[in-house]
């Protein structure tokens, strides 16, 4: 990634807050990124585990399959 691209990626977005506890959401086959989901209210690791459990319950994935 170029330095210019990193600067753009790190630029703050209005009305967006980043917090621990969020995970990416991929399709059932793991190939298409659909978005993200997060939970908040406990320790960050517990929030992420809760979000991952919800994604799994929906039959989706939080990681791409290994090639």
PDB file of N, CA and C in Angstrom:
ATOM      1  N   UNK A   1       0.849  -1.165   0.000  1.00  0.00           N
ATOM      2  CA  UNK A   1       0.000   0.000   0.000  1.00  0.00           C
ATOM      3  C   UNK A   1       0.898   1.232   0.000  1.00  0.00           C
ATOM      4  N   UNK A   2       0.600   2.184  -0.839  1.00  0.00           N
ATOM      5  CA  UNK A   2       1.409   3.388  -0.906  1.00  0.00           C
ATOM      6  C   UNK A   2       1.130   4.285   0.291  1.00  0.00           C
ATOM      7  N   UNK A   3       2.070   5.184   0.578  1.00  0.00           N
ATOM      8  CA  UNK A   3       1.900   6.104   1.701  1.00  0.00           C
ATOM      9  C   UNK A   3       0.670   6.976   1.502  1.00  0.00           C
ATOM     10  N   UNK A   4       0.442   7.426   0.273  1.00  0.00           N
ATOM     11  CA  UNK A   4      -0.731   8.268   0.013  1.00  0.00           C
ATOM     12  C   UNK A   4      -2.023   7.491   0.267  1.00  0.00           C
ATOM     13  N   UNK A   5      -2.058   6.249  -0.146  1.00  0.00           N
ATOM     14  CA  UNK A   5      -3.259   5.440   0.060  1.00  0.00           C
ATOM     15  C   UNK A   5      -3.485   5.179   1.551  1.00  0.00           C
ATOM     16  N   UNK A   6      -2.406   4.964   2.320  1.00  0.00           N
ATOM     17  CA  UNK A   6      -2.549   4.770   3.765  1.00  0.00           C
ATOM     18  C   UNK A   6      -3.127   6.011   4.414  1.00  0.00           C
ATOM     19  N   UNK A   7      -2.680   7.196   3.983  1.00  0.00           N
ATOM     20  CA  UNK A   7      -3.211   8.430   4.555  1.00  0.00           C
ATOM     21  C   UNK A   7      -4.701   8.553   4.284  1.00  0.00           C
ATOM     22  N   UNK A   8      -5.132   8.214   3.075  1.00  0.00           N
ATOM     23  CA  UNK A   8      -6.560   8.276   2.754  1.00  0.00           C
ATOM     24  C   UNK A   8      -7.341   7.278   3.593  1.00  0.00           C
ATOM     25  N   UNK A   9      -6.784   6.078   3.791  1.00  0.00           N
ATOM     26  CA  UNK A   9      -7.470   5.042   4.556  1.00  0.00           C
ATOM     27  C   UNK A   9      -7.612   5.448   6.019  1.00  0.00           C
ATOM     28  N   UNK A  10      -6.663   6.231   6.532  1.00  0.00           N
ATOM     29  CA  UNK A  10      -6.678   6.630   7.934  1.00  0.00           C
ATOM     30  C   UNK A  10      -7.447   7.923   8.171  1.00  0.00           C
ATOM     31  N   UNK A  11      -7.929   8.540   7.135  1.00  0.00           N
ATOM     32  CA  UNK A  11      -8.646   9.801   7.257  1.00  0.00           C
ATOM     33  C   UNK A  11      -9.946   9.602   8.051  1.00  0.00           C
ATOM     34  N   UNK A  12     -10.247  10.467   9.007  1.00  0.00           N
ATOM     35  CA  UNK A  12     -11.485  10.300   9.773  1.00  0.00           C
ATOM     36  C   UNK A  12     -12.721  10.499   8.889  1.00  0.00           C
ATOM     37  N   UNK A  13     -13.736   9.731   9.178  1.00  0.00           N
ATOM     38  CA  UNK A  13     -15.002   9.839   8.452  1.00  0.00           C
ATOM     39  C   UNK A  13     -16.031  10.461   9.388  1.00  0.00           C
ATOM     40  N   UNK A  14     -16.836  11.379   8.887  1.00  0.00           N
ATOM     41  CA  UNK A  14     -17.854  11.987   9.755  1.00  0.00           C
ATOM     42  C   UNK A  14     -18.874  10.941  10.199  1.00  0.00           C
ATOM     43  N   UNK A  15     -19.284  11.044  11.455  1.00  0.00           N
ATOM     44  CA  UNK A  15     -20.317  10.182  12.025  1.00  0.00           C
ATOM     45  C   UNK A  15     -19.896   8.715  12.146  1.00  0.00           C
ATOM     46  N   UNK A  16     -18.589   8.430  12.085  1.00  0.00           N
ATOM     47  CA  UNK A  16     -18.095   7.066  12.231  1.00  0.00           C
ATOM     48  C   UNK A  16     -17.210   7.013  13.470  1.00  0.00           C
ATOM     49  N   UNK A  17     -17.487   6.039  14.324  1.00  0.00           N
ATOM     50  CA  UNK A  17     -16.693   5.833  15.523  1.00  0.00           C
ATOM     51  C   UNK A  17     -16.177   4.400  15.495  1.00  0.00           C
ATOM     52  N   UNK A  18     -14.884   4.237  15.677  1.00  0.00           N
ATOM     53  CA  UNK A  18     -14.337   2.889  15.721  1.00  0.00           C
ATOM     54  C   UNK A  18     -14.162   2.459  17.175  1.00  0.00           C
ATOM     55  N   UNK A  19     -14.613   1.264  17.468  1.00  0.00           N
ATOM     56  CA  UNK A  19     -14.477   0.698  18.808  1.00  0.00           C
ATOM     57  C   UNK A  19     -14.130  -0.779  18.673  1.00  0.00           C
ATOM     58  N   UNK A  20     -13.523  -1.325  19.704  1.00  0.00           N
ATOM     59  CA  UNK A  20     -13.252  -2.762  19.714  1.00  0.00           C
ATOM     60  C   UNK A  20     -14.570  -3.519  19.782  1.00  0.00           C
ATOM     61  N   UNK A  21     -14.576  -4.738  19.294  1.00  0.00           N
ATOM     62  CA  UNK A  21     -15.784  -5.554  19.355  1.00  0.00           C
ATOM     63  C   UNK A  21     -16.462  -5.729  18.018  1.00  0.00           C
ATOM     64  N   UNK A  22     -15.882  -5.167  16.968  1.00  0.00           N
ATOM     65  CA  UNK A  22     -16.455  -5.304  15.631  1.00  0.00           C
ATOM     66  C   UNK A  22     -15.715  -6.352  14.826  1.00  0.00           C
ATOM     67  N   UNK A  23     -16.440  -7.024  13.944  1.00  0.00           N
ATOM     68  CA  UNK A  23     -15.845  -8.044  13.083  1.00  0.00           C
ATOM     69  C   UNK A  23     -16.398  -7.891  11.672  1.00  0.00           C
ATOM     70  N   UNK A  24     -15.607  -8.239  10.659  1.00  0.00           N
ATOM     71  CA  UNK A  24     -16.113  -8.214   9.286  1.00  0.00           C
ATOM     72  C   UNK A  24     -17.095  -9.368   9.071  1.00  0.00           C
ATOM     73  N   UNK A  25     -17.985  -9.210   8.100  1.00  0.00           N
ATOM     74  CA  UNK A  25     -18.944 -10.260   7.762  1.00  0.00           C
ATOM     75  C   UNK A  25     -18.739 -10.654   6.304  1.00  0.00           C
ATOM     76  N   UNK A  26     -18.514 -11.961   6.086  1.00  0.00           N
ATOM     77  CA  UNK A  26     -18.346 -12.509   4.745  1.00  0.00           C
ATOM     78  C   UNK A  26     -19.487 -13.472   4.451  1.00  0.00           C
ATOM     79  N   UNK A  27     -19.766 -13.663   3.175  1.00  0.00           N
ATOM     80  CA  UNK A  27     -20.831 -14.556   2.730  1.00  0.00           C
ATOM     81  C   UNK A  27     -20.613 -15.981   3.246  1.00  0.00           C
ATOM     82  N   UNK A  28     -21.624 -16.837   3.087  1.00  0.00           N
ATOM     83  CA  UNK A  28     -21.557 -18.218   3.572  1.00  0.00           C
ATOM     84  C   UNK A  28     -20.376 -18.977   2.973  1.00  0.00           C
ATOM     85  N   UNK A  29     -20.013 -18.668   1.729  1.00  0.00           N
ATOM     86  CA  UNK A  29     -18.851 -19.335   1.135  1.00  0.00           C
ATOM     87  C   UNK A  29     -17.550 -18.603   1.486  1.00  0.00           C
ATOM     88  N   UNK A  30     -17.654 -17.467   2.174  1.00  0.00           N
ATOM     89  CA  UNK A  30     -16.485 -16.727   2.634  1.00  0.00           C
ATOM     90  C   UNK A  30     -15.786 -15.888   1.594  1.00  0.00           C
ATOM     91  N   UNK A  31     -16.334 -15.799   0.398  1.00  0.00           N
ATOM     92  CA  UNK A  31     -15.628 -15.106  -0.685  1.00  0.00           C
ATOM     93  C   UNK A  31     -16.023 -13.646  -0.849  1.00  0.00           C
ATOM     94  N   UNK A  32     -17.219 -13.277  -0.418  1.00  0.00           N
ATOM     95  CA  UNK A  32     -17.694 -11.906  -0.635  1.00  0.00           C
ATOM     96  C   UNK A  32     -17.838 -11.191   0.703  1.00  0.00           C
ATOM     97  N   UNK A  33     -17.237 -10.013   0.795  1.00  0.00           N
ATOM     98  CA  UNK A  33     -17.376  -9.222   2.022  1.00  0.00           C
ATOM     99  C   UNK A  33     -18.716  -8.508   1.972  1.00  0.00           C
ATOM    100  N   UNK A  34     -19.524  -8.720   3.004  1.00  0.00           N
ATOM    101  CA  UNK A  34     -20.853  -8.140   3.061  1.00  0.00           C
ATOM    102  C   UNK A  34     -20.913  -6.868   3.893  1.00  0.00           C
ATOM    103  N   UNK A  35     -20.059  -6.759   4.873  1.00  0.00           N
ATOM    104  CA  UNK A  35     -20.086  -5.591   5.753  1.00  0.00           C
ATOM    105  C   UNK A  35     -19.403  -5.926   7.058  1.00  0.00           C
ATOM    106  N   UNK A  36     -19.987  -5.444   8.149  1.00  0.00           N
ATOM    107  CA  UNK A  36     -19.418  -5.686   9.471  1.00  0.00           C
ATOM    108  C   UNK A  36     -20.527  -5.617  10.509  1.00  0.00           C
ATOM    109  N   UNK A  37     -20.243  -6.168  11.671  1.00  0.00           N
ATOM    110  CA  UNK A  37     -21.178  -6.123  12.791  1.00  0.00           C
ATOM    111  C   UNK A  37     -20.360  -5.966  14.064  1.00  0.00           C
ATOM    112  N   UNK A  38     -20.955  -5.372  15.064  1.00  0.00           N
ATOM    113  CA  UNK A  38     -20.241  -5.189  16.316  1.00  0.00           C
ATOM    114  C   UNK A  38     -21.163  -5.276  17.506  1.00  0.00           C
ATOM    115  N   UNK A  39     -20.575  -5.479  18.649  1.00  0.00           N
ATOM    116  CA  UNK A  39     -21.298  -5.497  19.911  1.00  0.00           C
ATOM    117  C   UNK A  39     -20.518  -4.643  20.899  1.00  0.00           C
ATOM    118  N   UNK A  40     -21.214  -4.088  21.872  1.00  0.00           N
ATOM    119  CA  UNK A  40     -20.550  -3.244  22.849  1.00  0.00           C
ATOM    120  C   UNK A  40     -21.256  -3.378  24.190  1.00  0.00           C
ATOM    121  N   UNK A  41     -20.488  -3.313  25.255  1.00  0.00           N
ATOM    122  CA  UNK A  41     -21.079  -3.365  26.578  1.00  0.00           C
ATOM    123  C   UNK A  41     -20.263  -4.170  27.571  1.00  0.00           C
ATOM    124  N   UNK A  42     -19.398  -5.019  27.074  1.00  0.00           N
ATOM    125  CA  UNK A  42     -18.533  -5.817  27.938  1.00  0.00           C
ATOM    126  C   UNK A  42     -17.084  -5.531  27.559  1.00  0.00           C
ATOM    127  N   UNK A  43     -16.187  -6.396  27.976  1.00  0.00           N
ATOM    128  CA  UNK A  43     -14.782  -6.260  27.595  1.00  0.00           C
ATOM    129  C   UNK A  43     -14.665  -6.438  26.083  1.00  0.00           C
ATOM    130  N   UNK A  44     -13.716  -5.773  25.428  1.00  0.00           N
ATOM    131  CA  UNK A  44     -13.601  -5.868  23.970  1.00  0.00           C
ATOM    132  C   UNK A  44     -13.551  -7.301  23.432  1.00  0.00           C
ATOM    133  N   UNK A  45     -12.825  -8.192  24.090  1.00  0.00           N
ATOM    134  CA  UNK A  45     -12.752  -9.581  23.625  1.00  0.00           C
ATOM    135  C   UNK A  45     -14.120 -10.257  23.711  1.00  0.00           C
ATOM    136  N   UNK A  46     -14.881  -9.959  24.761  1.00  0.00           N
ATOM    137  CA  UNK A  46     -16.224 -10.532  24.898  1.00  0.00           C
ATOM    138  C   UNK A  46     -17.173  -9.943  23.858  1.00  0.00           C
ATOM    139  N   UNK A  47     -17.044  -8.649  23.583  1.00  0.00           N
ATOM    140  CA  UNK A  47     -17.862  -8.016  22.552  1.00  0.00           C
ATOM    141  C   UNK A  47     -17.612  -8.665  21.193  1.00  0.00           C
ATOM    142  N   UNK A  48     -16.339  -8.889  20.858  1.00  0.00           N
ATOM    143  CA  UNK A  48     -15.995  -9.509  19.583  1.00  0.00           C
ATOM    144  C   UNK A  48     -16.512 -10.941  19.527  1.00  0.00           C
ATOM    145  N   UNK A  49     -16.408 -11.680  20.625  1.00  0.00           N
ATOM    146  CA  UNK A  49     -16.913 -13.060  20.662  1.00  0.00           C
ATOM    147  C   UNK A  49     -18.418 -13.078  20.451  1.00  0.00           C
ATOM    148  N   UNK A  50     -19.126 -12.132  21.021  1.00  0.00           N
ATOM    149  CA  UNK A  50     -20.577 -12.038  20.845  1.00  0.00           C
ATOM    150  C   UNK A  50     -20.919 -11.742  19.383  1.00  0.00           C
ATOM    151  N   UNK A  51     -20.198 -10.805  18.781  1.00  0.00           N
ATOM    152  CA  UNK A  51     -20.434 -10.464  17.376  1.00  0.00           C
ATOM    153  C   UNK A  51     -20.133 -11.665  16.480  1.00  0.00           C
ATOM    154  N   UNK A  52     -19.040 -12.374  16.752  1.00  0.00           N
ATOM    155  CA  UNK A  52     -18.689 -13.559  15.964  1.00  0.00           C
ATOM    156  C   UNK A  52     -19.752 -14.643  16.092  1.00  0.00           C
ATOM    157  N   UNK A  53     -20.308 -14.824  17.290  1.00  0.00           N
ATOM    158  CA  UNK A  53     -21.352 -15.827  17.499  1.00  0.00           C
ATOM    159  C   UNK A  53     -22.602 -15.480  16.700  1.00  0.00           C
ATOM    160  N   UNK A  54     -22.947 -14.208  16.649  1.00  0.00           N
ATOM    161  CA  UNK A  54     -24.101 -13.793  15.858  1.00  0.00           C
ATOM    162  C   UNK A  54     -23.899 -14.034  14.370  1.00  0.00           C
ATOM    163  N   UNK A  55     -22.708 -13.743  13.883  1.00  0.00           N
ATOM    164  CA  UNK A  55     -22.390 -13.980  12.474  1.00  0.00           C
ATOM    165  C   UNK A  55     -22.484 -15.469  12.166  1.00  0.00           C
ATOM    166  N   UNK A  56     -21.915 -16.304  13.035  1.00  0.00           N
ATOM    167  CA  UNK A  56     -21.951 -17.754  12.833  1.00  0.00           C
ATOM    168  C   UNK A  56     -23.387 -18.277  12.878  1.00  0.00           C
ATOM    169  N   UNK A  57     -24.210 -17.738  13.784  1.00  0.00           N
ATOM    170  CA  UNK A  57     -25.607 -18.171  13.891  1.00  0.00           C
ATOM    171  C   UNK A  57     -26.384 -17.858  12.616  1.00  0.00           C
ATOM    172  N   UNK A  58     -25.954 -16.831  11.903  1.00  0.00           N
ATOM    173  CA  UNK A  58     -26.598 -16.461  10.639  1.00  0.00           C
ATOM    174  C   UNK A  58     -26.066 -17.283   9.470  1.00  0.00           C
ATOM    175  N   UNK A  59     -25.113 -18.173   9.738  1.00  0.00           N
ATOM    176  CA  UNK A  59     -24.548 -19.007   8.678  1.00  0.00           C
ATOM    177  C   UNK A  59     -23.520 -18.292   7.831  1.00  0.00           C
ATOM    178  N   UNK A  60     -22.944 -17.198   8.377  1.00  0.00           N
ATOM    179  CA  UNK A  60     -21.947 -16.413   7.655  1.00  0.00           C
ATOM    180  C   UNK A  60     -20.592 -16.573   8.335  1.00  0.00           C
ATOM    181  N   UNK A  61     -19.580 -15.896   7.811  1.00  0.00           N
ATOM    182  CA  UNK A  61     -18.216 -16.037   8.331  1.00  0.00           C
ATOM    183  C   UNK A  61     -17.616 -14.683   8.667  1.00  0.00           C
ATOM    184  N   UNK A  62     -16.625 -14.710   9.564  1.00  0.00           N
ATOM    185  CA  UNK A  62     -15.899 -13.486   9.930  1.00  0.00           C
ATOM    186  C   UNK A  62     -14.513 -13.449   9.292  1.00  0.00           C
ATOM    187  N   UNK A  63     -14.161 -14.496   8.542  1.00  0.00           N
ATOM    188  CA  UNK A  63     -12.870 -14.552   7.857  1.00  0.00           C
ATOM    189  C   UNK A  63     -13.038 -15.164   6.486  1.00  0.00           C
ATOM    190  N   UNK A  64     -12.151 -14.795   5.580  1.00  0.00           N
ATOM    191  CA  UNK A  64     -12.125 -15.435   4.256  1.00  0.00           C
ATOM    192  C   UNK A  64     -11.523 -16.831   4.408  1.00  0.00           C
ATOM    193  N   UNK A  65     -11.912 -17.762   3.546  1.00  0.00           N
ATOM    194  CA  UNK A  65     -11.305 -19.093   3.627  1.00  0.00           C
ATOM    195  C   UNK A  65      -9.823 -19.023   3.240  1.00  0.00           C
ATOM    196  N   UNK A  66      -9.030 -19.894   3.841  1.00  0.00           N
ATOM    197  CA  UNK A  66      -7.607 -19.965   3.499  1.00  0.00           C
ATOM    198  C   UNK A  66      -7.455 -20.570   2.117  1.00  0.00           C
ATOM    199  N   UNK A  67      -6.598 -19.989   1.312  1.00  0.00           N
ATOM    200  CA  UNK A  67      -6.365 -20.500  -0.048  1.00  0.00           C
ATOM    201  C   UNK A  67      -5.361 -21.606  -0.058  1.00  0.00           C
TER     202      UNK A  67
END
